Amino acid sequence: MRFLISLHINPAVLDALTEEEKAAIGDGHGKFMEEIKASGELITTLALADPSQAAVVSVRGAAPVVTDGPYAEAKEFLGGFYLVDCEDRERAVALAAKIPDAAIEGLGVEVRPVMFADGNLDA
């Protein structure tokens, strides 16, 4: 089964961490990626740029309307994700619990089943 493990970032929480704590998060993600590559469960992972670099596109009439920045004002934003292929939901939850963000109050790690995919998702 395929699951999207999404990482929800709160900049205020990250800003309150020490440089050592931030480095530990990065190191933890590196170790996590090595583990799920070795187990064959990683399909892909992406880290996203800050929402200030986003563009929101809507179509009004026949013309696209583009605005800068995130879609909605919120203190949290999607920071990245892991797409995994594992046995079941319980395994996906166990994997998500290994992500360093899960141990930091104020950051979120969400596990959601993939309903369908189009195209080659093999890493």
PDB file of N, CA and C in Angstrom:
ATOM      1  N   MET A   1       0.841  -1.179   0.000  1.00  0.00           N
ATOM      2  CA  MET A   1       0.000   0.000   0.000  1.00  0.00           C
ATOM      3  C   MET A   1       0.888   1.245   0.000  1.00  0.00           C
ATOM      4  N   ARG A   2       0.417   2.268  -0.661  1.00  0.00           N
ATOM      5  CA  ARG A   2       1.166   3.519  -0.705  1.00  0.00           C
ATOM      6  C   ARG A   2       0.556   4.539   0.243  1.00  0.00           C
ATOM      7  N   PHE A   3       1.442   5.259   0.926  1.00  0.00           N
ATOM      8  CA  PHE A   3       1.026   6.279   1.883  1.00  0.00           C
ATOM      9  C   PHE A   3       1.843   7.542   1.664  1.00  0.00           C
ATOM     10  N   LEU A   4       1.183   8.680   1.826  1.00  0.00           N
ATOM     11  CA  LEU A   4       1.865   9.962   1.839  1.00  0.00           C
ATOM     12  C   LEU A   4       2.065  10.344   3.294  1.00  0.00           C
ATOM     13  N   ILE A   5       3.295  10.558   3.676  1.00  0.00           N
ATOM     14  CA  ILE A   5       3.617  11.040   5.022  1.00  0.00           C
ATOM     15  C   ILE A   5       4.016  12.496   4.854  1.00  0.00           C
ATOM     16  N   SER A   6       3.138  13.402   5.257  1.00  0.00           N
ATOM     17  CA  SER A   6       3.385  14.828   5.044  1.00  0.00           C
ATOM     18  C   SER A   6       3.878  15.491   6.322  1.00  0.00           C
ATOM     19  N   LEU A   7       4.754  16.477   6.116  1.00  0.00           N
ATOM     20  CA  LEU A   7       5.391  17.182   7.226  1.00  0.00           C
ATOM     21  C   LEU A   7       4.839  18.604   7.285  1.00  0.00           C
ATOM     22  N   HIS A   8       4.196  18.926   8.385  1.00  0.00           N
ATOM     23  CA  HIS A   8       3.581  20.239   8.560  1.00  0.00           C
ATOM     24  C   HIS A   8       4.476  21.071   9.476  1.00  0.00           C
ATOM     25  N   ILE A   9       4.897  22.211   8.960  1.00  0.00           N
ATOM     26  CA  ILE A   9       5.897  23.047   9.613  1.00  0.00           C
ATOM     27  C   ILE A   9       5.248  24.271  10.240  1.00  0.00           C
ATOM     28  N   ASN A  10       5.692  24.609  11.427  1.00  0.00           N
ATOM     29  CA  ASN A  10       5.296  25.846  12.097  1.00  0.00           C
ATOM     30  C   ASN A  10       6.582  26.650  12.294  1.00  0.00           C
ATOM     31  N   PRO A  11       6.757  27.751  11.539  1.00  0.00           N
ATOM     32  CA  PRO A  11       8.005  28.508  11.625  1.00  0.00           C
ATOM     33  C   PRO A  11       8.343  28.982  13.037  1.00  0.00           C
ATOM     34  N   ALA A  12       7.340  29.329  13.826  1.00  0.00           N
ATOM     35  CA  ALA A  12       7.600  29.793  15.192  1.00  0.00           C
ATOM     36  C   ALA A  12       8.242  28.691  16.023  1.00  0.00           C
ATOM     37  N   VAL A  13       7.805  27.464  15.815  1.00  0.00           N
ATOM     38  CA  VAL A  13       8.380  26.331  16.543  1.00  0.00           C
ATOM     39  C   VAL A  13       9.828  26.125  16.113  1.00  0.00           C
ATOM     40  N   LEU A  14      10.076  26.158  14.809  1.00  0.00           N
ATOM     41  CA  LEU A  14      11.450  25.978  14.320  1.00  0.00           C
ATOM     42  C   LEU A  14      12.369  27.095  14.790  1.00  0.00           C
ATOM     43  N   ASP A  15      11.873  28.331  14.793  1.00  0.00           N
ATOM     44  CA  ASP A  15      12.686  29.473  15.220  1.00  0.00           C
ATOM     45  C   ASP A  15      13.099  29.365  16.689  1.00  0.00           C
ATOM     46  N   ALA A  16      12.293  28.667  17.483  1.00  0.00           N
ATOM     47  CA  ALA A  16      12.580  28.536  18.911  1.00  0.00           C
ATOM     48  C   ALA A  16      13.617  27.450  19.203  1.00  0.00           C
ATOM     49  N   LEU A  17      13.957  26.639  18.208  1.00  0.00           N
ATOM     50  CA  LEU A  17      14.932  25.564  18.414  1.00  0.00           C
ATOM     51  C   LEU A  17      16.357  26.100  18.362  1.00  0.00           C
ATOM     52  N   THR A  18      17.237  25.429  19.062  1.00  0.00           N
ATOM     53  CA  THR A  18      18.661  25.773  18.996  1.00  0.00           C
ATOM     54  C   THR A  18      19.234  25.259  17.675  1.00  0.00           C
ATOM     55  N   GLU A  19      20.421  25.729  17.331  1.00  0.00           N
ATOM     56  CA  GLU A  19      21.078  25.254  16.111  1.00  0.00           C
ATOM     57  C   GLU A  19      21.355  23.752  16.207  1.00  0.00           C
ATOM     58  N   GLU A  20      21.691  23.286  17.403  1.00  0.00           N
ATOM     59  CA  GLU A  20      21.945  21.869  17.600  1.00  0.00           C
ATOM     60  C   GLU A  20      20.668  21.055  17.386  1.00  0.00           C
ATOM     61  N   GLU A  21      19.542  21.550  17.865  1.00  0.00           N
ATOM     62  CA  GLU A  21      18.270  20.851  17.679  1.00  0.00           C
ATOM     63  C   GLU A  21      17.886  20.818  16.198  1.00  0.00           C
ATOM     64  N   LYS A  22      18.119  21.911  15.499  1.00  0.00           N
ATOM     65  CA  LYS A  22      17.826  21.950  14.056  1.00  0.00           C
ATOM     66  C   LYS A  22      18.719  20.964  13.309  1.00  0.00           C
ATOM     67  N   ALA A  23      19.981  20.913  13.681  1.00  0.00           N
ATOM     68  CA  ALA A  23      20.909  19.978  13.047  1.00  0.00           C
ATOM     69  C   ALA A  23      20.481  18.532  13.316  1.00  0.00           C
ATOM     70  N   ALA A  24      19.989  18.272  14.520  1.00  0.00           N
ATOM     71  CA  ALA A  24      19.540  16.919  14.861  1.00  0.00           C
ATOM     72  C   ALA A  24      18.344  16.508  14.003  1.00  0.00           C
ATOM     73  N   ILE A  25      17.472  17.460  13.680  1.00  0.00           N
ATOM     74  CA  ILE A  25      16.339  17.155  12.798  1.00  0.00           C
ATOM     75  C   ILE A  25      16.865  16.756  11.425  1.00  0.00           C
ATOM     76  N   GLY A  26      17.780  17.539  10.884  1.00  0.00           N
ATOM     77  CA  GLY A  26      18.357  17.209   9.580  1.00  0.00           C
ATOM     78  C   GLY A  26      19.043  15.853   9.573  1.00  0.00           C
ATOM     79  N   ASP A  27      19.840  15.593  10.614  1.00  0.00           N
ATOM     80  CA  ASP A  27      20.516  14.298  10.727  1.00  0.00           C
ATOM     81  C   ASP A  27      19.499  13.157  10.830  1.00  0.00           C
ATOM     82  N   GLY A  28      18.438  13.405  11.586  1.00  0.00           N
ATOM     83  CA  GLY A  28      17.400  12.388  11.749  1.00  0.00           C
ATOM     84  C   GLY A  28      16.701  12.062  10.439  1.00  0.00           C
ATOM     85  N   HIS A  29      16.445  13.092   9.637  1.00  0.00           N
ATOM     86  CA  HIS A  29      15.843  12.836   8.318  1.00  0.00           C
ATOM     87  C   HIS A  29      16.795  12.039   7.440  1.00  0.00           C
ATOM     88  N   GLY A  30      18.088  12.348   7.508  1.00  0.00           N
ATOM     89  CA  GLY A  30      19.070  11.588   6.735  1.00  0.00           C
ATOM     90  C   GLY A  30      19.064  10.118   7.105  1.00  0.00           C
ATOM     91  N   LYS A  31      19.056   9.829   8.394  1.00  0.00           N
ATOM     92  CA  LYS A  31      19.030   8.441   8.867  1.00  0.00           C
ATOM     93  C   LYS A  31      17.728   7.753   8.470  1.00  0.00           C
ATOM     94  N   PHE A  32      16.608   8.490   8.588  1.00  0.00           N
ATOM     95  CA  PHE A  32      15.308   7.933   8.216  1.00  0.00           C
ATOM     96  C   PHE A  32      15.294   7.570   6.734  1.00  0.00           C
ATOM     97  N   MET A  33      15.811   8.463   5.880  1.00  0.00           N
ATOM     98  CA  MET A  33      15.841   8.188   4.445  1.00  0.00           C
ATOM     99  C   MET A  33      16.704   6.963   4.137  1.00  0.00           C
ATOM    100  N   GLU A  34      17.855   6.857   4.785  1.00  0.00           N
ATOM    101  CA  GLU A  34      18.710   5.685   4.583  1.00  0.00           C
ATOM    102  C   GLU A  34      17.960   4.403   4.942  1.00  0.00           C
ATOM    103  N   GLU A  35      17.242   4.438   6.070  1.00  0.00           N
ATOM    104  CA  GLU A  35      16.517   3.249   6.544  1.00  0.00           C
ATOM    105  C   GLU A  35      15.434   2.829   5.562  1.00  0.00           C
ATOM    106  N   ILE A  36      14.623   3.788   5.103  1.00  0.00           N
ATOM    107  CA  ILE A  36      13.503   3.374   4.244  1.00  0.00           C
ATOM    108  C   ILE A  36      13.953   3.115   2.797  1.00  0.00           C
ATOM    109  N   LYS A  37      15.104   3.641   2.405  1.00  0.00           N
ATOM    110  CA  LYS A  37      15.688   3.233   1.117  1.00  0.00           C
ATOM    111  C   LYS A  37      16.149   1.778   1.228  1.00  0.00           C
ATOM    112  N   ALA A  38      16.842   1.463   2.317  1.00  0.00           N
ATOM    113  CA  ALA A  38      17.364   0.111   2.515  1.00  0.00           C
ATOM    114  C   ALA A  38      16.242  -0.919   2.608  1.00  0.00           C
ATOM    115  N   SER A  39      15.121  -0.543   3.197  1.00  0.00           N
ATOM    116  CA  SER A  39      13.999  -1.473   3.334  1.00  0.00           C
ATOM    117  C   SER A  39      13.187  -1.581   2.050  1.00  0.00           C
ATOM    118  N   GLY A  40      13.440  -0.680   1.090  1.00  0.00           N
ATOM    119  CA  GLY A  40      12.693  -0.681  -0.161  1.00  0.00           C
ATOM    120  C   GLY A  40      11.339  -0.003  -0.069  1.00  0.00           C
ATOM    121  N   GLU A  41      11.083   0.709   1.030  1.00  0.00           N
ATOM    122  CA  GLU A  41       9.772   1.322   1.224  1.00  0.00           C
ATOM    123  C   GLU A  41       9.678   2.752   0.686  1.00  0.00           C
ATOM    124  N   LEU A  42      10.808   3.406   0.438  1.00  0.00           N
ATOM    125  CA  LEU A  42      10.778   4.778  -0.065  1.00  0.00           C
ATOM    126  C   LEU A  42      10.506   4.788  -1.556  1.00  0.00           C
ATOM    127  N   ILE A  43       9.488   5.539  -1.964  1.00  0.00           N
ATOM    128  CA  ILE A  43       9.240   5.780  -3.379  1.00  0.00           C
ATOM    129  C   ILE A  43       9.913   7.095  -3.768  1.00  0.00           C
ATOM    130  N   THR A  44       9.612   8.160  -3.028  1.00  0.00           N
ATOM    131  CA  THR A  44      10.252   9.451  -3.251  1.00  0.00           C
ATOM    132  C   THR A  44      10.029  10.344  -2.041  1.00  0.00           C
ATOM    133  N   THR A  45      10.816  11.399  -1.962  1.00  0.00           N
ATOM    134  CA  THR A  45      10.649  12.403  -0.922  1.00  0.00           C
ATOM    135  C   THR A  45      10.996  13.756  -1.513  1.00  0.00           C
ATOM    136  N   LEU A  46      10.294  14.775  -1.083  1.00  0.00           N
ATOM    137  CA  LEU A  46      10.557  16.137  -1.542  1.00  0.00           C
ATOM    138  C   LEU A  46      10.430  17.097  -0.370  1.00  0.00           C
ATOM    139  N   ALA A  47      11.333  18.072  -0.327  1.00  0.00           N
ATOM    140  CA  ALA A  47      11.218  19.189   0.611  1.00  0.00           C
ATOM    141  C   ALA A  47      10.752  20.387  -0.213  1.00  0.00           C
ATOM    142  N   LEU A  48       9.823  21.140   0.315  1.00  0.00           N
ATOM    143  CA  LEU A  48       9.255  22.268  -0.410  1.00  0.00           C
ATOM    144  C   LEU A  48       9.850  23.581   0.073  1.00  0.00           C
ATOM    145  N   ALA A  49       9.936  24.548  -0.842  1.00  0.00           N
ATOM    146  CA  ALA A  49      10.425  25.885  -0.500  1.00  0.00           C
ATOM    147  C   ALA A  49       9.427  26.575   0.424  1.00  0.00           C
ATOM    148  N   ASP A  50       9.877  27.618   1.062  1.00  0.00           N
ATOM    149  CA  ASP A  50       9.040  28.420   1.946  1.00  0.00           C
ATOM    150  C   ASP A  50       7.798  28.915   1.199  1.00  0.00           C
ATOM    151  N   PRO A  51       6.639  28.976   1.860  1.00  0.00           N
ATOM    152  CA  PRO A  51       5.409  29.422   1.203  1.00  0.00           C
ATOM    153  C   PRO A  51       5.490  30.838   0.617  1.00  0.00           C
ATOM    154  N   SER A  52       6.426  31.651   1.094  1.00  0.00           N
ATOM    155  CA  SER A  52       6.551  32.997   0.533  1.00  0.00           C
ATOM    156  C   SER A  52       6.950  32.941  -0.939  1.00  0.00           C
ATOM    157  N   GLN A  53       7.443  31.802  -1.394  1.00  0.00           N
ATOM    158  CA  GLN A  53       7.830  31.641  -2.787  1.00  0.00           C
ATOM    159  C   GLN A  53       6.727  31.009  -3.627  1.00  0.00           C
ATOM    160  N   ALA A  54       5.577  30.766  -3.028  1.00  0.00           N
ATOM    161  CA  ALA A  54       4.470  30.111  -3.719  1.00  0.00           C
ATOM    162  C   ALA A  54       3.702  31.094  -4.602  1.00  0.00           C
ATOM    163  N   ALA A  55       2.999  30.546  -5.558  1.00  0.00           N
ATOM    164  CA  ALA A  55       2.062  31.305  -6.383  1.00  0.00           C
ATOM    165  C   ALA A  55       0.730  30.570  -6.331  1.00  0.00           C
ATOM    166  N   VAL A  56      -0.341  31.302  -6.163  1.00  0.00           N
ATOM    167  CA  VAL A  56      -1.678  30.732  -6.146  1.00  0.00           C
ATOM    168  C   VAL A  56      -2.336  31.111  -7.464  1.00  0.00           C
ATOM    169  N   VAL A  57      -2.840  30.111  -8.183  1.00  0.00           N
ATOM    170  CA  VAL A  57      -3.416  30.332  -9.503  1.00  0.00           C
ATOM    171  C   VAL A  57      -4.904  30.002  -9.462  1.00  0.00           C
ATOM    172  N   SER A  58      -5.709  30.903  -9.962  1.00  0.00           N
ATOM    173  CA  SER A  58      -7.134  30.660 -10.152  1.00  0.00           C
ATOM    174  C   SER A  58      -7.501  31.207 -11.524  1.00  0.00           C
ATOM    175  N   VAL A  59      -8.590  30.717 -12.075  1.00  0.00           N
ATOM    176  CA  VAL A  59      -9.039  31.186 -13.384  1.00  0.00           C
ATOM    177  C   VAL A  59     -10.357  31.913 -13.203  1.00  0.00           C
ATOM    178  N   ARG A  60     -10.403  33.139 -13.681  1.00  0.00           N
ATOM    179  CA  ARG A  60     -11.610  33.967 -13.635  1.00  0.00           C
ATOM    180  C   ARG A  60     -11.936  34.340 -15.069  1.00  0.00           C
ATOM    181  N   GLY A  61     -13.088  33.878 -15.547  1.00  0.00           N
ATOM    182  CA  GLY A  61     -13.376  34.036 -16.962  1.00  0.00           C
ATOM    183  C   GLY A  61     -12.459  33.109 -17.721  1.00  0.00           C
ATOM    184  N   ALA A  62     -11.717  33.630 -18.663  1.00  0.00           N
ATOM    185  CA  ALA A  62     -10.760  32.810 -19.410  1.00  0.00           C
ATOM    186  C   ALA A  62      -9.325  33.121 -19.020  1.00  0.00           C
ATOM    187  N   ALA A  63      -9.151  34.034 -18.062  1.00  0.00           N
ATOM    188  CA  ALA A  63      -7.798  34.477 -17.729  1.00  0.00           C
ATOM    189  C   ALA A  63      -7.335  33.936 -16.388  1.00  0.00           C
ATOM    190  N   PRO A  64      -6.089  33.444 -16.338  1.00  0.00           N
ATOM    191  CA  PRO A  64      -5.544  33.041 -15.042  1.00  0.00           C
ATOM    192  C   PRO A  64      -5.219  34.267 -14.189  1.00  0.00           C
ATOM    193  N   VAL A  65      -5.476  34.144 -12.917  1.00  0.00           N
ATOM    194  CA  VAL A  65      -5.140  35.180 -11.948  1.00  0.00           C
ATOM    195  C   VAL A  65      -4.119  34.569 -11.002  1.00  0.00           C
ATOM    196  N   VAL A  66      -2.967  35.212 -10.890  1.00  0.00           N
ATOM    197  CA  VAL A  66      -1.881  34.678 -10.074  1.00  0.00           C
ATOM    198  C   VAL A  66      -1.593  35.646  -8.945  1.00  0.00           C
ATOM    199  N   THR A  67      -1.559  35.130  -7.723  1.00  0.00           N
ATOM    200  CA  THR A  67      -1.163  35.932  -6.572  1.00  0.00           C
ATOM    201  C   THR A  67       0.026  35.266  -5.905  1.00  0.00           C
ATOM    202  N   ASP A  68       0.865  36.061  -5.293  1.00  0.00           N
ATOM    203  CA  ASP A  68       2.038  35.529  -4.609  1.00  0.00           C
ATOM    204  C   ASP A  68       1.677  35.041  -3.222  1.00  0.00           C
ATOM    205  N   GLY A  69       2.496  34.123  -2.728  1.00  0.00           N
ATOM    206  CA  GLY A  69       2.369  33.683  -1.346  1.00  0.00           C
ATOM    207  C   GLY A  69       1.422  32.522  -1.174  1.00  0.00           C
ATOM    208  N   PRO A  70       1.267  32.095   0.058  1.00  0.00           N
ATOM    209  CA  PRO A  70       0.439  30.922   0.342  1.00  0.00           C
ATOM    210  C   PRO A  70      -1.034  31.188   0.086  1.00  0.00           C
ATOM    211  N   TYR A  71      -1.756  30.115  -0.132  1.00  0.00           N
ATOM    212  CA  TYR A  71      -3.185  30.191  -0.412  1.00  0.00           C
ATOM    213  C   TYR A  71      -3.959  30.830   0.724  1.00  0.00           C
ATOM    214  N   ALA A  72      -3.665  30.414   1.923  1.00  0.00           N
ATOM    215  CA  ALA A  72      -4.390  30.926   3.088  1.00  0.00           C
ATOM    216  C   ALA A  72      -3.391  31.350   4.154  1.00  0.00           C
ATOM    217  N   GLU A  73      -3.765  32.333   4.915  1.00  0.00           N
ATOM    218  CA  GLU A  73      -2.932  32.739   6.037  1.00  0.00           C
ATOM    219  C   GLU A  73      -3.046  31.670   7.116  1.00  0.00           C
ATOM    220  N   ALA A  74      -1.948  31.090   7.453  1.00  0.00           N
ATOM    221  CA  ALA A  74      -1.926  30.064   8.486  1.00  0.00           C
ATOM    222  C   ALA A  74      -0.533  30.051   9.088  1.00  0.00           C
ATOM    223  N   LYS A  75      -0.452  29.624  10.324  1.00  0.00           N
ATOM    224  CA  LYS A  75       0.862  29.573  10.950  1.00  0.00           C
ATOM    225  C   LYS A  75       1.627  28.323  10.533  1.00  0.00           C
ATOM    226  N   GLU A  76       0.937  27.312  10.022  1.00  0.00           N
ATOM    227  CA  GLU A  76       1.591  26.087   9.594  1.00  0.00           C
ATOM    228  C   GLU A  76       1.528  25.963   8.078  1.00  0.00           C
ATOM    229  N   PHE A  77       2.490  25.244   7.515  1.00  0.00           N
ATOM    230  CA  PHE A  77       2.479  25.001   6.072  1.00  0.00           C
ATOM    231  C   PHE A  77       3.094  23.646   5.780  1.00  0.00           C
ATOM    232  N   LEU A  78       2.803  23.126   4.583  1.00  0.00           N
ATOM    233  CA  LEU A  78       3.364  21.858   4.148  1.00  0.00           C
ATOM    234  C   LEU A  78       4.822  22.077   3.803  1.00  0.00           C
ATOM    235  N   GLY A  79       5.702  21.392   4.508  1.00  0.00           N
ATOM    236  CA  GLY A  79       7.139  21.574   4.307  1.00  0.00           C
ATOM    237  C   GLY A  79       7.763  20.529   3.410  1.00  0.00           C
ATOM    238  N   GLY A  80       7.103  19.396   3.263  1.00  0.00           N
ATOM    239  CA  GLY A  80       7.629  18.330   2.433  1.00  0.00           C
ATOM    240  C   GLY A  80       6.879  17.048   2.697  1.00  0.00           C
ATOM    241  N   PHE A  81       7.334  15.982   2.040  1.00  0.00           N
ATOM    242  CA  PHE A  81       6.650  14.709   2.228  1.00  0.00           C
ATOM    243  C   PHE A  81       7.546  13.542   1.862  1.00  0.00           C
ATOM    244  N   TYR A  82       7.137  12.391   2.339  1.00  0.00           N
ATOM    245  CA  TYR A  82       7.700  11.108   1.932  1.00  0.00           C
ATOM    246  C   TYR A  82       6.555  10.320   1.318  1.00  0.00           C
ATOM    247  N   LEU A  83       6.789   9.706   0.175  1.00  0.00           N
ATOM    248  CA  LEU A  83       5.835   8.779  -0.405  1.00  0.00           C
ATOM    249  C   LEU A  83       6.430   7.394  -0.211  1.00  0.00           C
ATOM    250  N   VAL A  84       5.713   6.548   0.512  1.00  0.00           N
ATOM    251  CA  VAL A  84       6.234   5.229   0.858  1.00  0.00           C
ATOM    252  C   VAL A  84       5.300   4.131   0.371  1.00  0.00           C
ATOM    253  N   ASP A  85       5.856   2.972   0.200  1.00  0.00           N
ATOM    254  CA  ASP A  85       5.094   1.785  -0.155  1.00  0.00           C
ATOM    255  C   ASP A  85       5.409   0.744   0.907  1.00  0.00           C
ATOM    256  N   CYS A  86       4.432   0.473   1.751  1.00  0.00           N
ATOM    257  CA  CYS A  86       4.664  -0.453   2.858  1.00  0.00           C
ATOM    258  C   CYS A  86       3.461  -1.370   3.042  1.00  0.00           C
ATOM    259  N   GLU A  87       3.585  -2.294   3.956  1.00  0.00           N
ATOM    260  CA  GLU A  87       2.603  -3.362   4.121  1.00  0.00           C
ATOM    261  C   GLU A  87       1.196  -2.873   4.445  1.00  0.00           C
ATOM    262  N   ASP A  88       1.087  -1.936   5.401  1.00  0.00           N
ATOM    263  CA  ASP A  88      -0.237  -1.503   5.837  1.00  0.00           C
ATOM    264  C   ASP A  88      -0.141  -0.179   6.597  1.00  0.00           C
ATOM    265  N   ARG A  89      -1.290   0.318   7.052  1.00  0.00           N
ATOM    266  CA  ARG A  89      -1.360   1.596   7.760  1.00  0.00           C
ATOM    267  C   ARG A  89      -0.507   1.578   9.020  1.00  0.00           C
ATOM    268  N   GLU A  90      -0.520   0.473   9.735  1.00  0.00           N
ATOM    269  CA  GLU A  90       0.246   0.385  10.973  1.00  0.00           C
ATOM    270  C   GLU A  90       1.736   0.583  10.704  1.00  0.00           C
ATOM    271  N   ARG A  91       2.234   0.010   9.607  1.00  0.00           N
ATOM    272  CA  ARG A  91       3.644   0.189   9.264  1.00  0.00           C
ATOM    273  C   ARG A  91       3.907   1.639   8.862  1.00  0.00           C
ATOM    274  N   ALA A  92       2.998   2.243   8.119  1.00  0.00           N
ATOM    275  CA  ALA A  92       3.166   3.650   7.732  1.00  0.00           C
ATOM    276  C   ALA A  92       3.204   4.554   8.963  1.00  0.00           C
ATOM    277  N   VAL A  93       2.368   4.273   9.932  1.00  0.00           N
ATOM    278  CA  VAL A  93       2.362   5.043  11.184  1.00  0.00           C
ATOM    279  C   VAL A  93       3.673   4.816  11.942  1.00  0.00           C
ATOM    280  N   ALA A  94       4.150   3.584  11.960  1.00  0.00           N
ATOM    281  CA  ALA A  94       5.425   3.290  12.624  1.00  0.00           C
ATOM    282  C   ALA A  94       6.569   4.039  11.944  1.00  0.00           C
ATOM    283  N   LEU A  95       6.559   4.107  10.615  1.00  0.00           N
ATOM    284  CA  LEU A  95       7.576   4.869   9.906  1.00  0.00           C
ATOM    285  C   LEU A  95       7.477   6.351  10.259  1.00  0.00           C
ATOM    286  N   ALA A  96       6.263   6.896  10.244  1.00  0.00           N
ATOM    287  CA  ALA A  96       6.070   8.317  10.550  1.00  0.00           C
ATOM    288  C   ALA A  96       6.572   8.660  11.947  1.00  0.00           C
ATOM    289  N   ALA A  97       6.435   7.735  12.882  1.00  0.00           N
ATOM    290  CA  ALA A  97       6.886   7.976  14.252  1.00  0.00           C
ATOM    291  C   ALA A  97       8.406   8.093  14.343  1.00  0.00           C
ATOM    292  N   LYS A  98       9.124   7.605  13.331  1.00  0.00           N
ATOM    293  CA  LYS A  98      10.587   7.691  13.317  1.00  0.00           C
ATOM    294  C   LYS A  98      11.093   9.026  12.774  1.00  0.00           C
ATOM    295  N   ILE A  99      10.216   9.801  12.167  1.00  0.00           N
ATOM    296  CA  ILE A  99      10.616  11.093  11.606  1.00  0.00           C
ATOM    297  C   ILE A  99      10.837  12.064  12.765  1.00  0.00           C
ATOM    298  N   PRO A 100      11.961  12.759  12.799  1.00  0.00           N
ATOM    299  CA  PRO A 100      12.280  13.603  13.961  1.00  0.00           C
ATOM    300  C   PRO A 100      11.230  14.669  14.270  1.00  0.00           C
ATOM    301  N   ASP A 101      10.540  15.167  13.258  1.00  0.00           N
ATOM    302  CA  ASP A 101       9.511  16.188  13.476  1.00  0.00           C
ATOM    303  C   ASP A 101       8.409  15.691  14.414  1.00  0.00           C
ATOM    304  N   ALA A 102       8.144  14.393  14.387  1.00  0.00           N
ATOM    305  CA  ALA A 102       7.076  13.824  15.201  1.00  0.00           C
ATOM    306  C   ALA A 102       7.332  13.985  16.695  1.00  0.00           C
ATOM    307  N   ALA A 103       8.583  14.155  17.072  1.00  0.00           N
ATOM    308  CA  ALA A 103       8.937  14.285  18.489  1.00  0.00           C
ATOM    309  C   ALA A 103       8.952  15.730  18.970  1.00  0.00           C
ATOM    310  N   ILE A 104       8.631  16.670  18.075  1.00  0.00           N
ATOM    311  CA  ILE A 104       8.690  18.082  18.442  1.00  0.00           C
ATOM    312  C   ILE A 104       7.274  18.644  18.515  1.00  0.00           C
ATOM    313  N   GLU A 105       6.891  19.062  19.711  1.00  0.00           N
ATOM    314  CA  GLU A 105       5.552  19.624  19.893  1.00  0.00           C
ATOM    315  C   GLU A 105       5.396  20.858  19.023  1.00  0.00           C
ATOM    316  N   GLY A 106       4.281  20.903  18.280  1.00  0.00           N
ATOM    317  CA  GLY A 106       4.015  22.030  17.400  1.00  0.00           C
ATOM    318  C   GLY A 106       4.303  21.749  15.940  1.00  0.00           C
ATOM    319  N   LEU A 107       4.976  20.626  15.652  1.00  0.00           N
ATOM    320  CA  LEU A 107       5.179  20.196  14.271  1.00  0.00           C
ATOM    321  C   LEU A 107       4.278  18.991  14.033  1.00  0.00           C
ATOM    322  N   GLY A 108       3.855  18.791  12.807  1.00  0.00           N
ATOM    323  CA  GLY A 108       2.923  17.709  12.532  1.00  0.00           C
ATOM    324  C   GLY A 108       3.442  16.755  11.481  1.00  0.00           C
ATOM    325  N   VAL A 109       3.151  15.478  11.675  1.00  0.00           N
ATOM    326  CA  VAL A 109       3.456  14.447  10.698  1.00  0.00           C
ATOM    327  C   VAL A 109       2.146  13.707  10.447  1.00  0.00           C
ATOM    328  N   GLU A 110       1.666  13.771   9.213  1.00  0.00           N
ATOM    329  CA  GLU A 110       0.382  13.174   8.855  1.00  0.00           C
ATOM    330  C   GLU A 110       0.600  11.983   7.941  1.00  0.00           C
ATOM    331  N   VAL A 111      -0.161  10.914   8.157  1.00  0.00           N
ATOM    332  CA  VAL A 111      -0.117   9.721   7.313  1.00  0.00           C
ATOM    333  C   VAL A 111      -1.462   9.609   6.608  1.00  0.00           C
ATOM    334  N   ARG A 112      -1.400   9.516   5.275  1.00  0.00           N
ATOM    335  CA  ARG A 112      -2.642   9.418   4.511  1.00  0.00           C
ATOM    336  C   ARG A 112      -2.465   8.412   3.373  1.00  0.00           C
ATOM    337  N   PRO A 113      -3.417   7.472   3.219  1.00  0.00           N
ATOM    338  CA  PRO A 113      -3.311   6.517   2.114  1.00  0.00           C
ATOM    339  C   PRO A 113      -3.428   7.231   0.764  1.00  0.00           C
ATOM    340  N   VAL A 114      -2.711   6.711  -0.222  1.00  0.00           N
ATOM    341  CA  VAL A 114      -2.832   7.204  -1.599  1.00  0.00           C
ATOM    342  C   VAL A 114      -3.982   6.449  -2.246  1.00  0.00           C
ATOM    343  N   MET A 115      -4.937   7.202  -2.821  1.00  0.00           N
ATOM    344  CA  MET A 115      -6.095   6.559  -3.449  1.00  0.00           C
ATOM    345  C   MET A 115      -5.772   6.029  -4.843  1.00  0.00           C
ATOM    346  N   PHE A 116      -5.057   6.818  -5.643  1.00  0.00           N
ATOM    347  CA  PHE A 116      -4.645   6.364  -6.972  1.00  0.00           C
ATOM    348  C   PHE A 116      -3.465   7.191  -7.421  1.00  0.00           C
ATOM    349  N   ALA A 117      -2.773   6.695  -8.414  1.00  0.00           N
ATOM    350  CA  ALA A 117      -1.623   7.407  -8.966  1.00  0.00           C
ATOM    351  C   ALA A 117      -1.616   7.184 -10.472  1.00  0.00           C
ATOM    352  N   ASP A 118      -1.124   8.164 -11.184  1.00  0.00           N
ATOM    353  CA  ASP A 118      -0.998   8.052 -12.634  1.00  0.00           C
ATOM    354  C   ASP A 118       0.467   8.298 -12.994  1.00  0.00           C
ATOM    355  N   GLY A 119       1.057   7.387 -13.681  1.00  0.00           N
ATOM    356  CA  GLY A 119       2.440   7.564 -14.074  1.00  0.00           C
ATOM    357  C   GLY A 119       3.360   6.683 -13.272  1.00  0.00           C
ATOM    358  N   ASN A 120       4.638   6.786 -13.583  1.00  0.00           N
ATOM    359  CA  ASN A 120       5.659   5.963 -12.944  1.00  0.00           C
ATOM    360  C   ASN A 120       6.060   6.585 -11.607  1.00  0.00           C
ATOM    361  N   LEU A 121       5.820   5.874 -10.527  1.00  0.00           N
ATOM    362  CA  LEU A 121       6.181   6.367  -9.198  1.00  0.00           C
ATOM    363  C   LEU A 121       7.369   5.625  -8.626  1.00  0.00           C
ATOM    364  N   ASP A 122       8.027   4.812  -9.430  1.00  0.00           N
ATOM    365  CA  ASP A 122       9.190   4.086  -8.930  1.00  0.00           C
ATOM    366  C   ASP A 122      10.364   5.039  -8.821  1.00  0.00           C
ATOM    367  N   ALA A 123      11.051   5.012  -7.681  1.00  0.00           N
ATOM    368  CA  ALA A 123      12.194   5.898  -7.470  1.00  0.00           C
ATOM    369  C   ALA A 123      13.408   5.375  -8.192  1.00  0.00           C
TER     370      ALA A 123
END
